[in-house]
PDB file of N, CA and C in Angstrom:
ATOM      1  N   MET A   1     116.922  54.224  93.552  1.00  0.00           N
ATOM      2  CA  MET A   1     118.161  53.470  93.745  1.00  0.00           C
ATOM      3  C   MET A   1     118.516  52.725  92.452  1.00  0.00           C
ATOM      4  N   VAL A   2     119.768  52.810  92.063  1.00  0.00           N
ATOM      5  CA  VAL A   2     120.239  52.155  90.843  1.00  0.00           C
ATOM      6  C   VAL A   2     120.459  50.672  91.122  1.00  0.00           C
ATOM      7  N   LYS A   3     119.871  49.834  90.271  1.00  0.00           N
ATOM      8  CA  LYS A   3     120.068  48.394  90.378  1.00  0.00           C
ATOM      9  C   LYS A   3     121.315  48.014  89.592  1.00  0.00           C
ATOM     10  N   ASN A   4     122.071  47.036  90.083  1.00  0.00           N
ATOM     11  CA  ASN A   4     123.288  46.548  89.435  1.00  0.00           C
ATOM     12  C   ASN A   4     124.347  47.642  89.300  1.00  0.00           C
ATOM     13  N   LYS A   5     124.596  48.319  90.386  1.00  0.00           N
ATOM     14  CA  LYS A   5     125.592  49.380  90.424  1.00  0.00           C
ATOM     15  C   LYS A   5     127.003  48.775  90.459  1.00  0.00           C
ATOM     16  N   ILE A   6     127.878  49.290  89.606  1.00  0.00           N
ATOM     17  CA  ILE A   6     129.272  48.850  89.558  1.00  0.00           C
ATOM     18  C   ILE A   6     130.036  49.522  90.696  1.00  0.00           C
ATOM     19  N   ILE A   7     130.741  48.714  91.490  1.00  0.00           N
ATOM     20  CA  ILE A   7     131.528  49.283  92.588  1.00  0.00           C
ATOM     21  C   ILE A   7     133.033  49.151  92.363  1.00  0.00           C
ATOM     22  N   HIS A   8     133.441  48.230  91.481  1.00  0.00           N
ATOM     23  CA  HIS A   8     134.857  48.076  91.121  1.00  0.00           C
ATOM     24  C   HIS A   8     134.936  47.761  89.633  1.00  0.00           C
ATOM     25  N   GLU A   9     136.033  48.164  89.013  1.00  0.00           N
ATOM     26  CA  GLU A   9     136.241  47.830  87.604  1.00  0.00           C
ATOM     27  C   GLU A   9     137.711  47.568  87.340  1.00  0.00           C
ATOM     28  N   GLY A  10     137.950  46.806  86.270  1.00  0.00           N
ATOM     29  CA  GLY A  10     139.307  46.470  85.877  1.00  0.00           C
ATOM     30  C   GLY A  10     139.300  45.930  84.463  1.00  0.00           C
ATOM     31  N   GLU A  11     140.331  45.182  84.122  1.00  0.00           N
ATOM     32  CA  GLU A  11     140.456  44.592  82.785  1.00  0.00           C
ATOM     33  C   GLU A  11     141.056  43.204  82.887  1.00  0.00           C
ATOM     34  N   ILE A  12     140.635  42.349  81.971  1.00  0.00           N
ATOM     35  CA  ILE A  12     141.239  41.024  81.808  1.00  0.00           C
ATOM     36  C   ILE A  12     141.850  41.010  80.414  1.00  0.00           C
ATOM     37  N   THR A  13     143.097  40.602  80.307  1.00  0.00           N
ATOM     38  CA  THR A  13     143.747  40.507  79.005  1.00  0.00           C
ATOM     39  C   THR A  13     143.855  39.045  78.618  1.00  0.00           C
ATOM     40  N   LEU A  14     143.264  38.711  77.478  1.00  0.00           N
ATOM     41  CA  LEU A  14     143.321  37.356  76.920  1.00  0.00           C
ATOM     42  C   LEU A  14     143.978  37.445  75.554  1.00  0.00           C
ATOM     43  N   GLY A  15     145.241  37.110  75.473  1.00  0.00           N
ATOM     44  CA  GLY A  15     145.978  37.276  74.225  1.00  0.00           C
ATOM     45  C   GLY A  15     146.050  38.750  73.881  1.00  0.00           C
ATOM     46  N   ASP A  16     145.500  39.114  72.716  1.00  0.00           N
ATOM     47  CA  ASP A  16     145.489  40.506  72.262  1.00  0.00           C
ATOM     48  C   ASP A  16     144.199  41.231  72.619  1.00  0.00           C
ATOM     49  N   VAL A  17     143.301  40.568  73.317  1.00  0.00           N
ATOM     50  CA  VAL A  17     141.985  41.135  73.616  1.00  0.00           C
ATOM     51  C   VAL A  17     141.934  41.598  75.072  1.00  0.00           C
ATOM     52  N   ILE A  18     141.460  42.813  75.251  1.00  0.00           N
ATOM     53  CA  ILE A  18     141.261  43.354  76.601  1.00  0.00           C
ATOM     54  C   ILE A  18     139.761  43.401  76.859  1.00  0.00           C
ATOM     55  N   ILE A  19     139.336  42.773  77.945  1.00  0.00           N
ATOM     56  CA  ILE A  19     137.916  42.729  78.289  1.00  0.00           C
ATOM     57  C   ILE A  19     137.704  43.496  79.596  1.00  0.00           C
ATOM     58  N   PRO A  20     136.964  44.618  79.528  1.00  0.00           N
ATOM     59  CA  PRO A  20     136.633  45.310  80.767  1.00  0.00           C
ATOM     60  C   PRO A  20     135.812  44.396  81.680  1.00  0.00           C
ATOM     61  N   CYS A  21     136.085  44.459  82.967  1.00  0.00           N
ATOM     62  CA  CYS A  21     135.350  43.636  83.923  1.00  0.00           C
ATOM     63  C   CYS A  21     134.918  44.502  85.093  1.00  0.00           C
ATOM     64  N   TYR A  22     133.848  44.066  85.738  1.00  0.00           N
ATOM     65  CA  TYR A  22     133.230  44.865  86.785  1.00  0.00           C
ATOM     66  C   TYR A  22     132.783  43.962  87.924  1.00  0.00           C
ATOM     67  N   VAL A  23     132.678  44.557  89.114  1.00  0.00           N
ATOM     68  CA  VAL A  23     132.074  43.890  90.251  1.00  0.00           C
ATOM     69  C   VAL A  23     130.882  44.738  90.664  1.00  0.00           C
ATOM     70  N   LEU A  24     129.717  44.100  90.759  1.00  0.00           N
ATOM     71  CA  LEU A  24     128.508  44.798  91.167  1.00  0.00           C
ATOM     72  C   LEU A  24     128.412  44.819  92.682  1.00  0.00           C
ATOM     73  N   GLU A  25     127.567  45.671  93.194  1.00  0.00           N
ATOM     74  CA  GLU A  25     127.459  45.817  94.644  1.00  0.00           C
ATOM     75  C   GLU A  25     126.995  44.545  95.337  1.00  0.00           C
ATOM     76  N   ASP A  26     126.348  43.618  94.611  1.00  0.00           N
ATOM     77  CA  ASP A  26     125.954  42.341  95.225  1.00  0.00           C
ATOM     78  C   ASP A  26     127.049  41.278  95.096  1.00  0.00           C
ATOM     79  N   GLY A  27     128.218  41.658  94.542  1.00  0.00           N
ATOM     80  CA  GLY A  27     129.344  40.743  94.405  1.00  0.00           C
ATOM     81  C   GLY A  27     129.420  40.034  93.062  1.00  0.00           C
ATOM     82  N   THR A  28     128.408  40.200  92.213  1.00  0.00           N
ATOM     83  CA  THR A  28     128.419  39.570  90.888  1.00  0.00           C
ATOM     84  C   THR A  28     129.558  40.135  90.059  1.00  0.00           C
ATOM     85  N   ARG A  29     130.305  39.239  89.426  1.00  0.00           N
ATOM     86  CA  ARG A  29     131.390  39.652  88.538  1.00  0.00           C
ATOM     87  C   ARG A  29     130.874  39.619  87.108  1.00  0.00           C
ATOM     88  N   VAL A  30     131.107  40.701  86.373  1.00  0.00           N
ATOM     89  CA  VAL A  30     130.530  40.896  85.045  1.00  0.00           C
ATOM     90  C   VAL A  30     131.632  41.260  84.058  1.00  0.00           C
ATOM     91  N   LEU A  31     131.524  40.698  82.838  1.00  0.00           N
ATOM     92  CA  LEU A  31     132.416  41.064  81.735  1.00  0.00           C
ATOM     93  C   LEU A  31     131.620  41.853  80.706  1.00  0.00           C
ATOM     94  N   SER A  32     132.264  42.802  80.055  1.00  0.00           N
ATOM     95  CA  SER A  32     131.639  43.601  79.008  1.00  0.00           C
ATOM     96  C   SER A  32     131.150  42.700  77.876  1.00  0.00           C
ATOM     97  N   GLY A  33     129.870  42.832  77.519  1.00  0.00           N
ATOM     98  CA  GLY A  33     129.312  42.047  76.417  1.00  0.00           C
ATOM     99  C   GLY A  33     129.956  42.391  75.089  1.00  0.00           C
ATOM    100  N   TYR A  34     130.211  43.676  74.855  1.00  0.00           N
ATOM    101  CA  TYR A  34     130.829  44.103  73.607  1.00  0.00           C
ATOM    102  C   TYR A  34     132.221  43.496  73.451  1.00  0.00           C
ATOM    103  N   ALA A  35     133.021  43.557  74.518  1.00  0.00           N
ATOM    104  CA  ALA A  35     134.376  43.007  74.449  1.00  0.00           C
ATOM    105  C   ALA A  35     134.346  41.481  74.336  1.00  0.00           C
ATOM    106  N   MET A  36     133.373  40.836  74.993  1.00  0.00           N
ATOM    107  CA  MET A  36     133.259  39.376  74.868  1.00  0.00           C
ATOM    108  C   MET A  36     132.948  38.987  73.427  1.00  0.00           C
ATOM    109  N   GLN A  37     132.023  39.705  72.781  1.00  0.00           N
ATOM    110  CA  GLN A  37     131.689  39.342  71.402  1.00  0.00           C
ATOM    111  C   GLN A  37     132.879  39.586  70.481  1.00  0.00           C
ATOM    112  N   ASN A  38     133.696  40.594  70.761  1.00  0.00           N
ATOM    113  CA  ASN A  38     134.902  40.793  69.968  1.00  0.00           C
ATOM    114  C   ASN A  38     135.909  39.672  70.217  1.00  0.00           C
ATOM    115  N   ALA A  39     136.032  39.236  71.476  1.00  0.00           N
ATOM    116  CA  ALA A  39     136.939  38.134  71.802  1.00  0.00           C
ATOM    117  C   ALA A  39     136.521  36.857  71.081  1.00  0.00           C
ATOM    118  N   LEU A  40     135.216  36.700  70.876  1.00  0.00           N
ATOM    119  CA  LEU A  40     134.686  35.524  70.177  1.00  0.00           C
ATOM    120  C   LEU A  40     134.558  35.758  68.678  1.00  0.00           C
ATOM    121  N   ASN A  41     135.082  36.895  68.207  1.00  0.00           N
ATOM    122  CA  ASN A  41     135.054  37.261  66.789  1.00  0.00           C
ATOM    123  C   ASN A  41     133.630  37.421  66.259  1.00  0.00           C
ATOM    124  N   LEU A  42     132.776  38.032  67.060  1.00  0.00           N
ATOM    125  CA  LEU A  42     131.395  38.330  66.672  1.00  0.00           C
ATOM    126  C   LEU A  42     131.213  39.840  66.618  1.00  0.00           C
ATOM    127  N   GLN A  43     131.993  40.527  65.774  1.00  0.00           N
ATOM    128  CA  GLN A  43     131.949  41.980  65.736  1.00  0.00           C
ATOM    129  C   GLN A  43     130.568  42.469  65.341  1.00  0.00           C
ATOM    130  N   GLU A  44     130.230  43.589  65.915  1.00  0.00           N
ATOM    131  CA  GLU A  44     128.959  44.266  65.687  1.00  0.00           C
ATOM    132  C   GLU A  44     129.068  45.138  64.435  1.00  0.00           C
ATOM    133  N   GLU A  45     127.921  45.461  63.846  1.00  0.00           N
ATOM    134  CA  GLU A  45     127.886  46.343  62.688  1.00  0.00           C
ATOM    135  C   GLU A  45     128.415  47.725  63.063  1.00  0.00           C
ATOM    136  N   ALA A  46     128.782  48.483  62.075  1.00  0.00           N
ATOM    137  CA  ALA A  46     129.336  49.838  62.152  1.00  0.00           C
ATOM    138  C   ALA A  46     129.177  50.565  63.487  1.00  0.00           C
ATOM    139  N   ASP A  47     130.192  50.474  64.301  1.00  0.00           N
ATOM    140  CA  ASP A  47     130.350  51.268  65.512  1.00  0.00           C
ATOM    141  C   ASP A  47     129.228  51.123  66.540  1.00  0.00           C
ATOM    142  N   ASN A  48     128.462  50.048  66.495  1.00  0.00           N
ATOM    143  CA  ASN A  48     127.470  49.807  67.542  1.00  0.00           C
ATOM    144  C   ASN A  48     128.187  49.070  68.661  1.00  0.00           C
ATOM    145  N   ARG A  49     128.329  49.696  69.813  1.00  0.00           N
ATOM    146  CA  ARG A  49     129.133  49.146  70.900  1.00  0.00           C
ATOM    147  C   ARG A  49     128.282  48.503  71.984  1.00  0.00           C
ATOM    148  N   SER A  50     127.071  48.054  71.655  1.00  0.00           N
ATOM    149  CA  SER A  50     126.171  47.571  72.691  1.00  0.00           C
ATOM    150  C   SER A  50     126.407  46.117  73.090  1.00  0.00           C
ATOM    151  N   GLY A  51     127.006  45.328  72.231  1.00  0.00           N
ATOM    152  CA  GLY A  51     127.186  43.915  72.564  1.00  0.00           C
ATOM    153  C   GLY A  51     125.949  43.083  72.323  1.00  0.00           C
ATOM    154  N   THR A  52     124.985  43.622  71.576  1.00  0.00           N
ATOM    155  CA  THR A  52     123.727  42.895  71.367  1.00  0.00           C
ATOM    156  C   THR A  52     123.864  41.716  70.408  1.00  0.00           C
ATOM    157  N   ARG A  53     124.883  41.717  69.587  1.00  0.00           N
ATOM    158  CA  ARG A  53     125.056  40.587  68.667  1.00  0.00           C
ATOM    159  C   ARG A  53     125.321  39.297  69.447  1.00  0.00           C
ATOM    160  N   LEU A  54     126.061  39.372  70.521  1.00  0.00           N
ATOM    161  CA  LEU A  54     126.318  38.199  71.352  1.00  0.00           C
ATOM    162  C   LEU A  54     125.009  37.671  71.932  1.00  0.00           C
ATOM    163  N   ALA A  55     124.148  38.559  72.402  1.00  0.00           N
ATOM    164  CA  ALA A  55     122.842  38.140  72.943  1.00  0.00           C
ATOM    165  C   ALA A  55     122.023  37.434  71.869  1.00  0.00           C
ATOM    166  N   ARG A  56     122.018  37.959  70.653  1.00  0.00           N
ATOM    167  CA  ARG A  56     121.281  37.312  69.552  1.00  0.00           C
ATOM    168  C   ARG A  56     121.886  35.949  69.231  1.00  0.00           C
ATOM    169  N   TYR A  57     123.181  35.869  69.234  1.00  0.00           N
ATOM    170  CA  TYR A  57     123.878  34.616  68.947  1.00  0.00           C
ATOM    171  C   TYR A  57     123.520  33.553  69.988  1.00  0.00           C
ATOM    172  N   LEU A  58     123.564  33.943  71.268  1.00  0.00           N
ATOM    173  CA  LEU A  58     123.267  32.990  72.335  1.00  0.00           C
ATOM    174  C   LEU A  58     121.797  32.578  72.361  1.00  0.00           C
ATOM    175  N   GLY A  59     120.940  33.386  71.747  1.00  0.00           N
ATOM    176  CA  GLY A  59     119.518  33.073  71.699  1.00  0.00           C
ATOM    177  C   GLY A  59     119.098  32.186  70.543  1.00  0.00           C
ATOM    178  N   GLN A  60     120.024  31.773  69.695  1.00  0.00           N
ATOM    179  CA  GLN A  60     119.675  30.938  68.548  1.00  0.00           C
ATOM    180  C   GLN A  60     119.252  29.544  69.003  1.00  0.00           C
ATOM    181  N   LYS A  61     118.094  29.119  68.522  1.00  0.00           N
ATOM    182  CA  LYS A  61     117.545  27.802  68.894  1.00  0.00           C
ATOM    183  C   LYS A  61     118.484  26.664  68.492  1.00  0.00           C
ATOM    184  N   SER A  62     119.182  26.805  67.371  1.00  0.00           N
ATOM    185  CA  SER A  62     120.063  25.735  66.891  1.00  0.00           C
ATOM    186  C   SER A  62     121.247  25.480  67.827  1.00  0.00           C
ATOM    187  N   LEU A  63     121.608  26.471  68.641  1.00  0.00           N
ATOM    188  CA  LEU A  63     122.741  26.315  69.560  1.00  0.00           C
ATOM    189  C   LEU A  63     122.334  25.779  70.931  1.00  0.00           C
ATOM    190  N   GLU A  64     121.047  25.805  71.247  1.00  0.00           N
ATOM    191  CA  GLU A  64     120.589  25.405  72.575  1.00  0.00           C
ATOM    192  C   GLU A  64     121.105  24.040  73.036  1.00  0.00           C
ATOM    193  N   PRO A  65     121.099  23.005  72.177  1.00  0.00           N
ATOM    194  CA  PRO A  65     121.584  21.707  72.661  1.00  0.00           C
ATOM    195  C   PRO A  65     123.064  21.726  73.068  1.00  0.00           C
ATOM    196  N   PHE A  66     123.815  22.669  72.554  1.00  0.00           N
ATOM    197  CA  PHE A  66     125.247  22.720  72.835  1.00  0.00           C
ATOM    198  C   PHE A  66     125.570  23.638  74.010  1.00  0.00           C
ATOM    199  N   ILE A  67     125.058  24.877  73.970  1.00  0.00           N
ATOM    200  CA  ILE A  67     125.452  25.834  74.998  1.00  0.00           C
ATOM    201  C   ILE A  67     124.654  25.702  76.284  1.00  0.00           C
ATOM    202  N   TYR A  68     123.436  25.136  76.211  1.00  0.00           N
ATOM    203  CA  TYR A  68     122.632  25.010  77.424  1.00  0.00           C
ATOM    204  C   TYR A  68     122.750  23.640  78.074  1.00  0.00           C
ATOM    205  N   ARG A  69     123.592  22.793  77.558  1.00  0.00           N
ATOM    206  CA  ARG A  69     123.769  21.467  78.142  1.00  0.00           C
ATOM    207  C   ARG A  69     124.238  21.619  79.592  1.00  0.00           C
ATOM    208  N   GLY A  70     123.378  21.209  80.528  1.00  0.00           N
ATOM    209  CA  GLY A  70     123.709  21.298  81.941  1.00  0.00           C
ATOM    210  C   GLY A  70     123.553  22.690  82.541  1.00  0.00           C
ATOM    211  N   LYS A  71     123.003  23.631  81.795  1.00  0.00           N
ATOM    212  CA  LYS A  71     122.828  25.011  82.273  1.00  0.00           C
ATOM    213  C   LYS A  71     121.336  25.343  82.339  1.00  0.00           C
ATOM    214  N   GLU A  72     120.986  26.201  83.273  1.00  0.00           N
ATOM    215  CA  GLU A  72     119.604  26.665  83.360  1.00  0.00           C
ATOM    216  C   GLU A  72     119.333  27.647  82.228  1.00  0.00           C
ATOM    217  N   HIS A  73     118.060  27.800  81.882  1.00  0.00           N
ATOM    218  CA  HIS A  73     117.693  28.602  80.719  1.00  0.00           C
ATOM    219  C   HIS A  73     118.199  30.037  80.778  1.00  0.00           C
ATOM    220  N   GLY A  74     118.167  30.729  81.900  1.00  0.00           N
ATOM    221  CA  GLY A  74     118.595  32.125  81.980  1.00  0.00           C
ATOM    222  C   GLY A  74     120.087  32.325  82.170  1.00  0.00           C
ATOM    223  N   HIS A  75     120.854  31.238  82.134  1.00  0.00           N
ATOM    224  CA  HIS A  75     122.285  31.312  82.408  1.00  0.00           C
ATOM    225  C   HIS A  75     123.022  32.324  81.531  1.00  0.00           C
ATOM    226  N   TYR A  76     122.623  32.443  80.277  1.00  0.00           N
ATOM    227  CA  TYR A  76     123.316  33.319  79.329  1.00  0.00           C
ATOM    228  C   TYR A  76     122.622  34.667  79.134  1.00  0.00           C
ATOM    229  N   ASP A  77     121.700  35.019  80.011  1.00  0.00           N
ATOM    230  CA  ASP A  77     121.022  36.302  79.877  1.00  0.00           C
ATOM    231  C   ASP A  77     121.988  37.450  80.175  1.00  0.00           C
ATOM    232  N   PRO A  78     121.929  38.521  79.368  1.00  0.00           N
ATOM    233  CA  PRO A  78     122.794  39.675  79.633  1.00  0.00           C
ATOM    234  C   PRO A  78     122.374  40.376  80.921  1.00  0.00           C
ATOM    235  N   ILE A  79     123.305  41.105  81.492  1.00  0.00           N
ATOM    236  CA  ILE A  79     123.082  41.867  82.712  1.00  0.00           C
ATOM    237  C   ILE A  79     123.293  43.340  82.392  1.00  0.00           C
ATOM    238  N   GLU A  80     122.290  44.169  82.667  1.00  0.00           N
ATOM    239  CA  GLU A  80     122.457  45.613  82.551  1.00  0.00           C
ATOM    240  C   GLU A  80     123.038  46.108  83.868  1.00  0.00           C
ATOM    241  N   CYS A  81     124.170  46.791  83.796  1.00  0.00           N
ATOM    242  CA  CYS A  81     124.757  47.343  85.008  1.00  0.00           C
ATOM    243  C   CYS A  81     125.122  48.799  84.741  1.00  0.00           C
ATOM    244  N   TYR A  82     125.366  49.521  85.816  1.00  0.00           N
ATOM    245  CA  TYR A  82     125.526  50.966  85.696  1.00  0.00           C
ATOM    246  C   TYR A  82     126.781  51.468  86.381  1.00  0.00           C
ATOM    247  N   LYS A  83     127.547  52.228  85.608  1.00  0.00           N
ATOM    248  CA  LYS A  83     128.728  52.945  86.103  1.00  0.00           C
ATOM    249  C   LYS A  83     128.313  54.416  86.142  1.00  0.00           C
ATOM    250  N   GLY A  84     127.832  54.850  87.300  1.00  0.00           N
ATOM    251  CA  GLY A  84     127.187  56.162  87.373  1.00  0.00           C
ATOM    252  C   GLY A  84     125.892  56.091  86.592  1.00  0.00           C
ATOM    253  N   THR A  85     125.758  56.948  85.587  1.00  0.00           N
ATOM    254  CA  THR A  85     124.557  56.910  84.744  1.00  0.00           C
ATOM    255  C   THR A  85     124.778  56.134  83.448  1.00  0.00           C
ATOM    256  N   GLN A  86     126.012  55.702  83.199  1.00  0.00           N
ATOM    257  CA  GLN A  86     126.331  54.955  81.978  1.00  0.00           C
ATOM    258  C   GLN A  86     125.885  53.506  82.119  1.00  0.00           C
ATOM    259  N   LYS A  87     125.042  53.062  81.177  1.00  0.00           N
ATOM    260  CA  LYS A  87     124.587  51.673  81.171  1.00  0.00           C
ATOM    261  C   LYS A  87     125.606  50.817  80.428  1.00  0.00           C
ATOM    262  N   ILE A  88     125.951  49.678  81.030  1.00  0.00           N
ATOM    263  CA  ILE A  88     126.878  48.726  80.424  1.00  0.00           C
ATOM    264  C   ILE A  88     126.168  47.382  80.332  1.00  0.00           C
ATOM    265  N   ASN A  89     126.175  46.800  79.144  1.00  0.00           N
ATOM    266  CA  ASN A  89     125.612  45.466  78.955  1.00  0.00           C
ATOM    267  C   ASN A  89     126.729  44.460  79.132  1.00  0.00           C
ATOM    268  N   GLY A  90     126.522  43.519  80.006  1.00  0.00           N
ATOM    269  CA  GLY A  90     127.557  42.532  80.262  1.00  0.00           C
ATOM    270  C   GLY A  90     126.989  41.157  80.538  1.00  0.00           C
ATOM    271  N   TYR A  91     127.867  40.267  80.927  1.00  0.00           N
ATOM    272  CA  TYR A  91     127.501  38.885  81.236  1.00  0.00           C
ATOM    273  C   TYR A  91     128.245  38.458  82.484  1.00  0.00           C
ATOM    274  N   GLU A  92     127.619  37.602  83.261  1.00  0.00           N
ATOM    275  CA  GLU A  92     128.282  37.041  84.432  1.00  0.00           C
ATOM    276  C   GLU A  92     129.616  36.476  83.951  1.00  0.00           C
ATOM    277  N   ALA A  93     130.660  36.680  84.701  1.00  0.00           N
ATOM    278  CA  ALA A  93     132.029  36.416  84.237  1.00  0.00           C
ATOM    279  C   ALA A  93     132.266  34.982  83.789  1.00  0.00           C
ATOM    280  N   THR A  94     131.596  34.001  84.367  1.00  0.00           N
ATOM    281  CA  THR A  94     131.829  32.606  83.980  1.00  0.00           C
ATOM    282  C   THR A  94     131.233  32.257  82.622  1.00  0.00           C
ATOM    283  N   VAL A  95     130.390  33.131  82.083  1.00  0.00           N
ATOM    284  CA  VAL A  95     129.727  32.844  80.803  1.00  0.00           C
ATOM    285  C   VAL A  95     130.738  32.708  79.668  1.00  0.00           C
ATOM    286  N   LEU A  96     131.779  33.515  79.649  1.00  0.00           N
ATOM    287  CA  LEU A  96     132.778  33.412  78.578  1.00  0.00           C
ATOM    288  C   LEU A  96     133.408  32.021  78.561  1.00  0.00           C
ATOM    289  N   ALA A  97     133.785  31.522  79.710  1.00  0.00           N
ATOM    290  CA  ALA A  97     134.359  30.172  79.786  1.00  0.00           C
ATOM    291  C   ALA A  97     133.326  29.122  79.390  1.00  0.00           C
ATOM    292  N   ASP A  98     132.068  29.312  79.784  1.00  0.00           N
ATOM    293  CA  ASP A  98     131.016  28.356  79.430  1.00  0.00           C
ATOM    294  C   ASP A  98     130.789  28.304  77.927  1.00  0.00           C
ATOM    295  N   ILE A  99     130.826  29.459  77.260  1.00  0.00           N
ATOM    296  CA  ILE A  99     130.685  29.509  75.811  1.00  0.00           C
ATOM    297  C   ILE A  99     131.843  28.772  75.147  1.00  0.00           C
ATOM    298  N   CYS A 100     133.060  29.039  75.596  1.00  0.00           N
ATOM    299  CA  CYS A 100     134.232  28.371  75.035  1.00  0.00           C
ATOM    300  C   CYS A 100     134.154  26.855  75.261  1.00  0.00           C
ATOM    301  N   ASP A 101     133.734  26.437  76.448  1.00  0.00           N
ATOM    302  CA  ASP A 101     133.564  25.001  76.718  1.00  0.00           C
ATOM    303  C   ASP A 101     132.551  24.374  75.784  1.00  0.00           C
ATOM    304  N   ALA A 102     131.436  25.103  75.534  1.00  0.00           N
ATOM    305  CA  ALA A 102     130.408  24.575  74.633  1.00  0.00           C
ATOM    306  C   ALA A 102     130.944  24.405  73.211  1.00  0.00           C
ATOM    307  N   PHE A 103     131.774  25.353  72.756  1.00  0.00           N
ATOM    308  CA  PHE A 103     132.352  25.263  71.416  1.00  0.00           C
ATOM    309  C   PHE A 103     133.312  24.076  71.310  1.00  0.00           C
ATOM    310  N   LEU A 104     134.000  23.767  72.402  1.00  0.00           N
ATOM    311  CA  LEU A 104     135.013  22.713  72.395  1.00  0.00           C
ATOM    312  C   LEU A 104     134.470  21.322  72.733  1.00  0.00           C
ATOM    313  N   GLU A 105     133.240  21.258  73.267  1.00  0.00           N
ATOM    314  CA  GLU A 105     132.634  20.001  73.670  1.00  0.00           C
ATOM    315  C   GLU A 105     132.394  19.103  72.449  1.00  0.00           C
ATOM    316  N   PRO A 106     132.838  17.850  72.503  1.00  0.00           N
ATOM    317  CA  PRO A 106     132.545  16.959  71.362  1.00  0.00           C
ATOM    318  C   PRO A 106     131.056  16.693  71.263  1.00  0.00           C
ATOM    319  N   VAL A 107     130.586  16.577  70.042  1.00  0.00           N
ATOM    320  CA  VAL A 107     129.155  16.353  69.798  1.00  0.00           C
ATOM    321  C   VAL A 107     128.826  14.883  69.904  1.00  0.00           C
TER     322      VAL A 107
END
């Protein structure tokens, strides 16, 4: 049995950025990690569409006091989900707003 199976998909448009979004069979709403990192201007090296740069960025120790304020440690962990046999790396949908809030929070 496939874990984190996508049962619905769509798109969210934020300005000029289109972010694919998915609903998993357990009801979790997920945004594409690759599209999120592009929305945050964290482009990946030459044609790597995995979205792993965002995961590395969120894992930086220097950012922990800002992005994890009031959040549990695994809050920003990526989610592997599957559209048929295609693996998609994504994040729970509220993570994008949480990242933006952390950037805007006064120090």
